[in-house]
Amino acid sequence: MENDWTRVSEMIKKSSATLSQDGKSKIAIESFLGESWVKSTVDYIIQLKPEWNLAINCLRVLESELATDYAYSIYKNSIDNDDRRIAALIVKDIAHPKSIAWVEEFLGDQNTADFGIGILDQLLWSEKIEFNEMTDSLLNKAEQMWDGSLRSNVSFIRDYLSKRSCS
């Protein structure tokens, strides 16, 4: 077992990301679980098998970049709208900071627009990203899309950000 810890520690040290102790621990746990476990967990959730919500909560706790990437690849490559929608839900629930790059794409898809704004909401709420010109632009776009159906979401996010900046 000691060799495994050494291997994982070396892998983390080579990572270009600046990680907290929790972040390092999450990468270590995901490494021990393995790629196969992560991907099969995403597949399990996509199929909405019993206790799929427990599975998604585990991926959320791990903040799994691998699961985020795999779910996004399902979103991009599946022709099944339900699978694409659940894949977007997984990306939203994990709320890995890299998912900000896909928010506009999710917003532009009527099938996943609500999860696109949800990703932005989760990232801002959890302070994994900062409110800036880009995120403001995404909120403005969301407000105008789909006959204004996301306006209440945008308003909620803006109210939250306003209250947070005042405290």
N, C-alpha and C. Protein backbone atom coordinates (compact mmCIF):
# COMPACT_ATOMS: atom_id res chain seq x y z
N MET A 1 0.82 -1.19 0.00
CA MET A 1 0.00 0.00 0.00
C MET A 1 0.86 1.26 0.00
N GLU A 2 1.99 1.21 0.66
CA GLU A 2 2.86 2.38 0.75
C GLU A 2 3.29 2.86 -0.64
N ASN A 3 3.57 1.92 -1.53
CA ASN A 3 3.97 2.29 -2.88
C ASN A 3 2.84 3.03 -3.60
N ASP A 4 1.60 2.60 -3.36
CA ASP A 4 0.48 3.29 -3.99
C ASP A 4 0.40 4.75 -3.53
N TRP A 5 0.59 4.99 -2.23
CA TRP A 5 0.55 6.34 -1.72
C TRP A 5 1.69 7.18 -2.30
N THR A 6 2.83 6.58 -2.44
CA THR A 6 3.97 7.28 -3.02
C THR A 6 3.68 7.64 -4.47
N ARG A 7 3.14 6.69 -5.23
CA ARG A 7 2.82 6.92 -6.64
C ARG A 7 1.80 8.05 -6.78
N VAL A 8 0.75 8.01 -5.97
CA VAL A 8 -0.29 9.03 -6.04
C VAL A 8 0.27 10.39 -5.63
N SER A 9 1.08 10.41 -4.60
CA SER A 9 1.69 11.67 -4.15
C SER A 9 2.55 12.27 -5.26
N GLU A 10 3.32 11.46 -5.93
CA GLU A 10 4.16 11.94 -7.04
C GLU A 10 3.30 12.46 -8.19
N MET A 11 2.20 11.75 -8.47
CA MET A 11 1.29 12.19 -9.53
C MET A 11 0.71 13.56 -9.19
N ILE A 12 0.31 13.74 -7.95
CA ILE A 12 -0.26 15.02 -7.52
C ILE A 12 0.78 16.13 -7.60
N LYS A 13 2.00 15.85 -7.20
CA LYS A 13 3.07 16.86 -7.26
C LYS A 13 3.33 17.32 -8.69
N LYS A 14 3.17 16.41 -9.66
CA LYS A 14 3.41 16.75 -11.06
C LYS A 14 2.25 17.55 -11.67
N SER A 15 1.12 17.54 -10.98
CA SER A 15 -0.05 18.27 -11.47
C SER A 15 0.27 19.76 -11.48
N SER A 16 -0.23 20.45 -12.50
CA SER A 16 0.01 21.89 -12.60
C SER A 16 -0.97 22.68 -11.74
N ALA A 17 -1.99 22.02 -11.22
CA ALA A 17 -3.01 22.72 -10.43
C ALA A 17 -2.50 23.02 -9.03
N THR A 18 -2.96 24.15 -8.50
CA THR A 18 -2.70 24.48 -7.11
C THR A 18 -3.84 23.88 -6.31
N LEU A 19 -3.50 22.92 -5.45
CA LEU A 19 -4.53 22.18 -4.75
C LEU A 19 -4.43 22.34 -3.24
N SER A 20 -5.58 22.40 -2.61
CA SER A 20 -5.63 22.37 -1.15
C SER A 20 -5.39 20.93 -0.70
N GLN A 21 -5.25 20.73 0.60
CA GLN A 21 -5.12 19.35 1.11
C GLN A 21 -6.34 18.54 0.73
N ASP A 22 -7.53 19.14 0.83
CA ASP A 22 -8.75 18.43 0.42
C ASP A 22 -8.69 18.05 -1.05
N GLY A 23 -8.24 18.98 -1.87
CA GLY A 23 -8.13 18.70 -3.31
C GLY A 23 -7.18 17.55 -3.59
N LYS A 24 -6.06 17.54 -2.90
CA LYS A 24 -5.10 16.45 -3.06
C LYS A 24 -5.70 15.13 -2.61
N SER A 25 -6.42 15.17 -1.50
CA SER A 25 -7.05 13.96 -0.98
C SER A 25 -8.09 13.42 -1.94
N LYS A 26 -8.85 14.31 -2.54
CA LYS A 26 -9.88 13.88 -3.49
C LYS A 26 -9.25 13.22 -4.71
N ILE A 27 -8.17 13.78 -5.20
CA ILE A 27 -7.46 13.17 -6.33
C ILE A 27 -6.93 11.80 -5.93
N ALA A 28 -6.40 11.68 -4.73
CA ALA A 28 -5.89 10.39 -4.27
C ALA A 28 -7.01 9.36 -4.20
N ILE A 29 -8.12 9.72 -3.61
CA ILE A 29 -9.25 8.78 -3.52
C ILE A 29 -9.72 8.37 -4.89
N GLU A 30 -9.87 9.34 -5.81
CA GLU A 30 -10.30 9.02 -7.16
C GLU A 30 -9.29 8.09 -7.84
N SER A 31 -8.01 8.31 -7.60
CA SER A 31 -6.98 7.45 -8.17
C SER A 31 -7.12 6.02 -7.68
N PHE A 32 -7.38 5.87 -6.38
CA PHE A 32 -7.55 4.52 -5.82
C PHE A 32 -8.82 3.85 -6.34
N LEU A 33 -9.87 4.64 -6.52
CA LEU A 33 -11.12 4.08 -7.06
C LEU A 33 -10.92 3.65 -8.51
N GLY A 34 -10.19 4.46 -9.26
CA GLY A 34 -9.84 4.13 -10.63
C GLY A 34 -10.79 4.70 -11.68
N GLU A 35 -10.24 4.84 -12.87
CA GLU A 35 -10.99 5.39 -14.00
C GLU A 35 -12.22 4.55 -14.32
N SER A 36 -12.07 3.24 -14.26
CA SER A 36 -13.18 2.35 -14.56
C SER A 36 -14.36 2.59 -13.61
N TRP A 37 -14.05 2.75 -12.31
CA TRP A 37 -15.11 3.00 -11.33
C TRP A 37 -15.80 4.33 -11.63
N VAL A 38 -15.02 5.36 -11.91
CA VAL A 38 -15.60 6.69 -12.17
C VAL A 38 -16.52 6.62 -13.39
N LYS A 39 -16.03 6.04 -14.47
CA LYS A 39 -16.85 5.99 -15.69
C LYS A 39 -18.08 5.10 -15.52
N SER A 40 -17.94 3.99 -14.84
CA SER A 40 -19.10 3.12 -14.64
C SER A 40 -20.13 3.80 -13.72
N THR A 41 -19.66 4.65 -12.80
CA THR A 41 -20.58 5.41 -11.96
C THR A 41 -21.35 6.43 -12.78
N VAL A 42 -20.67 7.11 -13.69
CA VAL A 42 -21.37 8.05 -14.59
C VAL A 42 -22.39 7.28 -15.44
N ASP A 43 -21.99 6.15 -15.99
CA ASP A 43 -22.92 5.34 -16.79
C ASP A 43 -24.13 4.90 -15.97
N TYR A 44 -23.91 4.53 -14.72
CA TYR A 44 -24.98 4.12 -13.81
C TYR A 44 -25.99 5.26 -13.64
N ILE A 45 -25.46 6.46 -13.46
CA ILE A 45 -26.32 7.63 -13.28
C ILE A 45 -27.10 7.92 -14.56
N ILE A 46 -26.43 7.84 -15.69
CA ILE A 46 -27.08 8.11 -16.99
C ILE A 46 -28.27 7.18 -17.17
N GLN A 47 -28.16 5.96 -16.70
CA GLN A 47 -29.24 4.98 -16.83
C GLN A 47 -30.31 5.13 -15.75
N LEU A 48 -30.12 6.08 -14.85
CA LEU A 48 -31.05 6.33 -13.74
C LEU A 48 -31.39 5.05 -12.98
N LYS A 49 -30.37 4.29 -12.69
CA LYS A 49 -30.56 3.05 -11.94
C LYS A 49 -30.88 3.41 -10.48
N PRO A 50 -31.37 2.41 -9.71
CA PRO A 50 -31.71 2.69 -8.31
C PRO A 50 -30.54 3.35 -7.57
N GLU A 51 -30.88 4.33 -6.77
CA GLU A 51 -29.90 5.09 -5.97
C GLU A 51 -28.89 5.86 -6.82
N TRP A 52 -29.29 6.22 -8.03
CA TRP A 52 -28.41 7.03 -8.88
C TRP A 52 -28.03 8.34 -8.19
N ASN A 53 -28.96 8.84 -7.36
CA ASN A 53 -28.66 10.11 -6.67
C ASN A 53 -27.54 9.94 -5.65
N LEU A 54 -27.41 8.78 -5.03
CA LEU A 54 -26.29 8.51 -4.14
C LEU A 54 -24.99 8.52 -4.94
N ALA A 55 -25.03 7.91 -6.11
CA ALA A 55 -23.84 7.85 -6.97
C ALA A 55 -23.40 9.25 -7.38
N ILE A 56 -24.35 10.09 -7.75
CA ILE A 56 -23.98 11.45 -8.18
C ILE A 56 -23.44 12.25 -7.00
N ASN A 57 -23.96 12.01 -5.81
CA ASN A 57 -23.44 12.70 -4.63
C ASN A 57 -21.99 12.31 -4.35
N CYS A 58 -21.65 11.05 -4.59
CA CYS A 58 -20.26 10.62 -4.41
C CYS A 58 -19.34 11.35 -5.38
N LEU A 59 -19.77 11.47 -6.63
CA LEU A 59 -18.96 12.20 -7.62
C LEU A 59 -18.85 13.67 -7.25
N ARG A 60 -19.93 14.22 -6.68
CA ARG A 60 -19.91 15.63 -6.26
C ARG A 60 -18.89 15.83 -5.15
N VAL A 61 -18.87 14.92 -4.18
CA VAL A 61 -17.91 15.03 -3.08
C VAL A 61 -16.48 14.98 -3.61
N LEU A 62 -16.24 14.11 -4.59
CA LEU A 62 -14.91 13.99 -5.18
C LEU A 62 -14.55 15.18 -6.06
N GLU A 63 -15.56 15.93 -6.53
CA GLU A 63 -15.35 16.99 -7.52
C GLU A 63 -14.55 16.44 -8.69
N SER A 64 -14.99 15.31 -9.17
CA SER A 64 -14.23 14.53 -10.14
C SER A 64 -14.12 15.19 -11.51
N GLU A 65 -12.90 15.55 -11.85
CA GLU A 65 -12.65 16.10 -13.19
C GLU A 65 -12.86 15.01 -14.24
N LEU A 66 -12.43 13.80 -13.94
CA LEU A 66 -12.62 12.68 -14.87
C LEU A 66 -14.11 12.44 -15.14
N ALA A 67 -14.92 12.43 -14.10
CA ALA A 67 -16.36 12.24 -14.28
C ALA A 67 -16.97 13.40 -15.06
N THR A 68 -16.49 14.60 -14.78
CA THR A 68 -16.97 15.79 -15.51
C THR A 68 -16.67 15.66 -16.99
N ASP A 69 -15.43 15.29 -17.31
CA ASP A 69 -15.04 15.13 -18.72
C ASP A 69 -15.84 14.01 -19.40
N TYR A 70 -16.00 12.91 -18.69
CA TYR A 70 -16.72 11.77 -19.26
C TYR A 70 -18.20 12.11 -19.49
N ALA A 71 -18.82 12.77 -18.52
CA ALA A 71 -20.22 13.18 -18.69
C ALA A 71 -20.35 14.15 -19.87
N TYR A 72 -19.41 15.08 -19.98
CA TYR A 72 -19.46 16.03 -21.09
C TYR A 72 -19.31 15.29 -22.43
N SER A 73 -18.46 14.28 -22.48
CA SER A 73 -18.30 13.53 -23.73
C SER A 73 -19.60 12.79 -24.08
N ILE A 74 -20.32 12.33 -23.07
CA ILE A 74 -21.63 11.71 -23.34
C ILE A 74 -22.59 12.76 -23.89
N TYR A 75 -22.59 13.92 -23.28
CA TYR A 75 -23.44 15.01 -23.77
C TYR A 75 -23.13 15.31 -25.24
N LYS A 76 -21.86 15.39 -25.57
CA LYS A 76 -21.45 15.74 -26.94
C LYS A 76 -21.76 14.64 -27.95
N ASN A 77 -21.67 13.38 -27.53
CA ASN A 77 -21.70 12.28 -28.49
C ASN A 77 -23.00 11.47 -28.52
N SER A 78 -23.84 11.62 -27.53
CA SER A 78 -25.07 10.84 -27.51
C SER A 78 -26.11 11.47 -28.42
N ILE A 79 -26.91 10.63 -29.03
CA ILE A 79 -28.03 11.14 -29.82
C ILE A 79 -29.33 11.08 -29.03
N ASP A 80 -29.27 10.50 -27.85
CA ASP A 80 -30.43 10.39 -26.98
C ASP A 80 -30.55 11.65 -26.11
N ASN A 81 -31.63 12.40 -26.28
CA ASN A 81 -31.79 13.66 -25.54
C ASN A 81 -31.84 13.46 -24.04
N ASP A 82 -32.42 12.34 -23.58
CA ASP A 82 -32.46 12.08 -22.14
C ASP A 82 -31.05 11.86 -21.60
N ASP A 83 -30.24 11.08 -22.31
CA ASP A 83 -28.86 10.85 -21.89
C ASP A 83 -28.07 12.15 -21.87
N ARG A 84 -28.28 12.97 -22.90
CA ARG A 84 -27.58 14.26 -22.96
C ARG A 84 -27.99 15.16 -21.79
N ARG A 85 -29.25 15.13 -21.45
CA ARG A 85 -29.76 15.94 -20.35
C ARG A 85 -29.19 15.47 -19.01
N ILE A 86 -29.17 14.17 -18.79
CA ILE A 86 -28.63 13.65 -17.53
C ILE A 86 -27.13 13.90 -17.45
N ALA A 87 -26.44 13.81 -18.58
CA ALA A 87 -25.00 14.12 -18.60
C ALA A 87 -24.77 15.57 -18.18
N ALA A 88 -25.61 16.48 -18.66
CA ALA A 88 -25.49 17.89 -18.27
C ALA A 88 -25.79 18.05 -16.78
N LEU A 89 -26.74 17.28 -16.26
CA LEU A 89 -27.03 17.31 -14.83
C LEU A 89 -25.81 16.88 -14.02
N ILE A 90 -25.12 15.85 -14.47
CA ILE A 90 -23.92 15.39 -13.78
C ILE A 90 -22.86 16.50 -13.75
N VAL A 91 -22.66 17.13 -14.90
CA VAL A 91 -21.69 18.24 -14.96
C VAL A 91 -22.09 19.34 -13.98
N LYS A 92 -23.37 19.65 -13.94
CA LYS A 92 -23.86 20.69 -13.02
C LYS A 92 -23.62 20.29 -11.57
N ASP A 93 -23.98 19.08 -11.23
CA ASP A 93 -23.87 18.66 -9.83
C ASP A 93 -22.44 18.56 -9.35
N ILE A 94 -21.53 18.12 -10.19
CA ILE A 94 -20.13 18.07 -9.80
C ILE A 94 -19.56 19.48 -9.70
N ALA A 95 -19.96 20.34 -10.60
CA ALA A 95 -19.53 21.75 -10.60
C ALA A 95 -18.01 21.89 -10.55
N HIS A 96 -17.34 21.17 -11.40
CA HIS A 96 -15.88 21.33 -11.51
C HIS A 96 -15.63 22.67 -12.22
N PRO A 97 -14.66 23.44 -11.76
CA PRO A 97 -14.42 24.75 -12.36
C PRO A 97 -14.25 24.74 -13.88
N LYS A 98 -13.72 23.65 -14.43
CA LYS A 98 -13.53 23.61 -15.89
C LYS A 98 -14.85 23.67 -16.65
N SER A 99 -15.95 23.33 -16.00
CA SER A 99 -17.24 23.29 -16.69
C SER A 99 -17.73 24.67 -17.09
N ILE A 100 -17.12 25.74 -16.58
CA ILE A 100 -17.49 27.09 -17.00
C ILE A 100 -17.32 27.23 -18.52
N ALA A 101 -16.38 26.51 -19.08
CA ALA A 101 -16.12 26.59 -20.53
C ALA A 101 -17.30 26.06 -21.36
N TRP A 102 -18.18 25.31 -20.75
CA TRP A 102 -19.29 24.68 -21.49
C TRP A 102 -20.64 25.33 -21.21
N VAL A 103 -20.68 26.29 -20.32
CA VAL A 103 -21.96 26.90 -19.93
C VAL A 103 -22.69 27.46 -21.14
N GLU A 104 -22.00 28.21 -21.97
CA GLU A 104 -22.66 28.82 -23.13
C GLU A 104 -23.24 27.76 -24.05
N GLU A 105 -22.52 26.67 -24.23
CA GLU A 105 -23.01 25.57 -25.07
C GLU A 105 -24.28 24.95 -24.47
N PHE A 106 -24.27 24.70 -23.16
CA PHE A 106 -25.46 24.14 -22.51
C PHE A 106 -26.63 25.12 -22.59
N LEU A 107 -26.34 26.41 -22.41
CA LEU A 107 -27.39 27.43 -22.50
C LEU A 107 -28.01 27.46 -23.90
N GLY A 108 -27.21 27.23 -24.91
CA GLY A 108 -27.68 27.27 -26.28
C GLY A 108 -28.50 26.07 -26.70
N ASP A 109 -28.57 25.07 -25.87
CA ASP A 109 -29.32 23.84 -26.13
C ASP A 109 -30.56 23.87 -25.25
N GLN A 110 -31.73 24.01 -25.85
CA GLN A 110 -32.96 24.14 -25.08
C GLN A 110 -33.17 22.95 -24.13
N ASN A 111 -32.66 21.80 -24.50
CA ASN A 111 -32.77 20.59 -23.69
C ASN A 111 -31.96 20.70 -22.39
N THR A 112 -30.91 21.52 -22.38
CA THR A 112 -30.02 21.59 -21.21
C THR A 112 -29.80 23.02 -20.70
N ALA A 113 -30.54 23.97 -21.22
CA ALA A 113 -30.33 25.38 -20.84
C ALA A 113 -30.47 25.58 -19.33
N ASP A 114 -31.44 24.90 -18.72
CA ASP A 114 -31.62 25.05 -17.27
C ASP A 114 -30.42 24.52 -16.49
N PHE A 115 -29.78 23.48 -17.01
CA PHE A 115 -28.57 22.98 -16.35
C PHE A 115 -27.37 23.88 -16.65
N GLY A 116 -27.37 24.51 -17.81
CA GLY A 116 -26.31 25.47 -18.12
C GLY A 116 -26.29 26.62 -17.13
N ILE A 117 -27.47 27.19 -16.84
CA ILE A 117 -27.52 28.26 -15.85
C ILE A 117 -27.26 27.68 -14.46
N GLY A 118 -27.63 26.44 -14.26
CA GLY A 118 -27.36 25.77 -12.98
C GLY A 118 -25.87 25.59 -12.73
N ILE A 119 -25.13 25.29 -13.77
CA ILE A 119 -23.67 25.17 -13.64
C ILE A 119 -23.08 26.51 -13.19
N LEU A 120 -23.49 27.57 -13.88
CA LEU A 120 -22.99 28.90 -13.53
C LEU A 120 -23.36 29.23 -12.09
N ASP A 121 -24.58 28.94 -11.71
CA ASP A 121 -25.05 29.17 -10.35
C ASP A 121 -24.18 28.41 -9.34
N GLN A 122 -23.97 27.12 -9.57
CA GLN A 122 -23.18 26.30 -8.64
C GLN A 122 -21.74 26.80 -8.52
N LEU A 123 -21.15 27.14 -9.65
CA LEU A 123 -19.76 27.61 -9.63
C LEU A 123 -19.60 28.93 -8.88
N LEU A 124 -20.56 29.83 -9.08
CA LEU A 124 -20.50 31.12 -8.38
C LEU A 124 -20.85 30.94 -6.90
N TRP A 125 -21.87 30.15 -6.61
CA TRP A 125 -22.32 29.93 -5.24
C TRP A 125 -21.20 29.31 -4.40
N SER A 126 -20.53 28.32 -4.96
CA SER A 126 -19.48 27.62 -4.23
C SER A 126 -18.14 28.36 -4.29
N GLU A 127 -18.14 29.48 -5.00
CA GLU A 127 -16.96 30.33 -5.16
C GLU A 127 -15.79 29.58 -5.80
N LYS A 128 -16.13 28.65 -6.71
CA LYS A 128 -15.10 27.95 -7.48
C LYS A 128 -14.61 28.82 -8.63
N ILE A 129 -15.45 29.78 -9.01
CA ILE A 129 -15.07 30.80 -9.99
C ILE A 129 -15.50 32.14 -9.42
N GLU A 130 -14.91 33.19 -9.96
CA GLU A 130 -15.27 34.53 -9.52
C GLU A 130 -16.22 35.18 -10.51
N PHE A 131 -17.06 36.06 -9.99
CA PHE A 131 -17.91 36.86 -10.86
C PHE A 131 -17.01 37.85 -11.58
N ASN A 132 -17.12 37.88 -12.90
CA ASN A 132 -16.29 38.77 -13.70
C ASN A 132 -17.04 39.11 -14.98
N GLU A 133 -16.36 39.72 -15.89
CA GLU A 133 -16.98 40.15 -17.15
C GLU A 133 -17.56 38.97 -17.93
N MET A 134 -16.83 37.86 -17.95
CA MET A 134 -17.31 36.68 -18.68
C MET A 134 -18.57 36.11 -18.05
N THR A 135 -18.59 35.96 -16.73
CA THR A 135 -19.77 35.39 -16.07
C THR A 135 -20.96 36.35 -16.18
N ASP A 136 -20.70 37.64 -16.12
CA ASP A 136 -21.76 38.62 -16.31
C ASP A 136 -22.34 38.51 -17.72
N SER A 137 -21.48 38.33 -18.70
CA SER A 137 -21.93 38.16 -20.08
C SER A 137 -22.80 36.91 -20.22
N LEU A 138 -22.40 35.83 -19.56
CA LEU A 138 -23.20 34.59 -19.61
C LEU A 138 -24.57 34.80 -18.98
N LEU A 139 -24.61 35.54 -17.88
CA LEU A 139 -25.90 35.84 -17.25
C LEU A 139 -26.77 36.67 -18.19
N ASN A 140 -26.17 37.66 -18.85
CA ASN A 140 -26.93 38.48 -19.80
C ASN A 140 -27.48 37.64 -20.94
N LYS A 141 -26.66 36.73 -21.47
CA LYS A 141 -27.12 35.86 -22.56
C LYS A 141 -28.26 34.97 -22.09
N ALA A 142 -28.10 34.38 -20.91
CA ALA A 142 -29.12 33.48 -20.38
C ALA A 142 -30.45 34.19 -20.20
N GLU A 143 -30.37 35.43 -19.77
CA GLU A 143 -31.58 36.22 -19.54
C GLU A 143 -32.38 36.43 -20.82
N GLN A 144 -31.68 36.51 -21.95
CA GLN A 144 -32.33 36.77 -23.23
C GLN A 144 -32.79 35.51 -23.97
N MET A 145 -32.32 34.36 -23.55
CA MET A 145 -32.56 33.12 -24.30
C MET A 145 -33.91 32.50 -23.95
N TRP A 146 -34.38 31.70 -24.86
CA TRP A 146 -35.54 30.83 -24.66
C TRP A 146 -36.74 31.59 -24.09
N ASP A 147 -37.06 32.68 -24.77
CA ASP A 147 -38.22 33.51 -24.40
C ASP A 147 -38.19 33.93 -22.94
N GLY A 148 -37.01 34.15 -22.43
CA GLY A 148 -36.87 34.64 -21.06
C GLY A 148 -37.13 33.60 -19.98
N SER A 149 -37.15 32.33 -20.35
CA SER A 149 -37.48 31.29 -19.36
C SER A 149 -36.44 31.14 -18.26
N LEU A 150 -35.25 31.70 -18.46
CA LEU A 150 -34.20 31.60 -17.45
C LEU A 150 -34.06 32.88 -16.62
N ARG A 151 -34.93 33.86 -16.86
CA ARG A 151 -34.82 35.14 -16.18
C ARG A 151 -34.88 35.01 -14.66
N SER A 152 -35.75 34.16 -14.16
CA SER A 152 -35.85 34.03 -12.70
C SER A 152 -34.56 33.43 -12.13
N ASN A 153 -33.94 32.50 -12.86
CA ASN A 153 -32.67 31.93 -12.42
C ASN A 153 -31.59 33.02 -12.39
N VAL A 154 -31.55 33.82 -13.44
CA VAL A 154 -30.55 34.89 -13.52
C VAL A 154 -30.77 35.89 -12.40
N SER A 155 -32.03 36.23 -12.16
CA SER A 155 -32.34 37.18 -11.09
C SER A 155 -31.90 36.63 -9.73
N PHE A 156 -32.14 35.36 -9.49
CA PHE A 156 -31.73 34.72 -8.24
C PHE A 156 -30.21 34.81 -8.07
N ILE A 157 -29.48 34.52 -9.14
CA ILE A 157 -28.02 34.56 -9.09
C ILE A 157 -27.53 35.98 -8.84
N ARG A 158 -28.10 36.93 -9.56
CA ARG A 158 -27.68 38.33 -9.39
C ARG A 158 -27.99 38.82 -7.96
N ASP A 159 -29.15 38.44 -7.43
CA ASP A 159 -29.49 38.83 -6.05
C ASP A 159 -28.49 38.25 -5.08
N TYR A 160 -28.16 37.00 -5.26
CA TYR A 160 -27.18 36.35 -4.39
C TYR A 160 -25.83 37.07 -4.47
N LEU A 161 -25.38 37.34 -5.69
CA LEU A 161 -24.08 38.01 -5.86
C LEU A 161 -24.09 39.40 -5.23
N SER A 162 -25.20 40.10 -5.36
CA SER A 162 -25.33 41.43 -4.78
C SER A 162 -25.24 41.35 -3.25
N LYS A 163 -25.95 40.41 -2.66
CA LYS A 163 -25.92 40.25 -1.19
C LYS A 163 -24.54 39.84 -0.73
N ARG A 164 -23.89 38.98 -1.48
CA ARG A 164 -22.55 38.51 -1.11
C ARG A 164 -21.54 39.66 -1.15
N SER A 165 -21.67 40.54 -2.15
CA SER A 165 -20.71 41.65 -2.27
C SER A 165 -20.92 42.71 -1.18
N CYS A 166 -22.12 42.75 -0.62
CA CYS A 166 -22.40 43.73 0.45
C CYS A 166 -21.94 43.25 1.81
N SER A 167 -21.69 41.95 1.94
CA SER A 167 -21.32 41.45 3.27
C SER A 167 -19.85 41.36 3.48
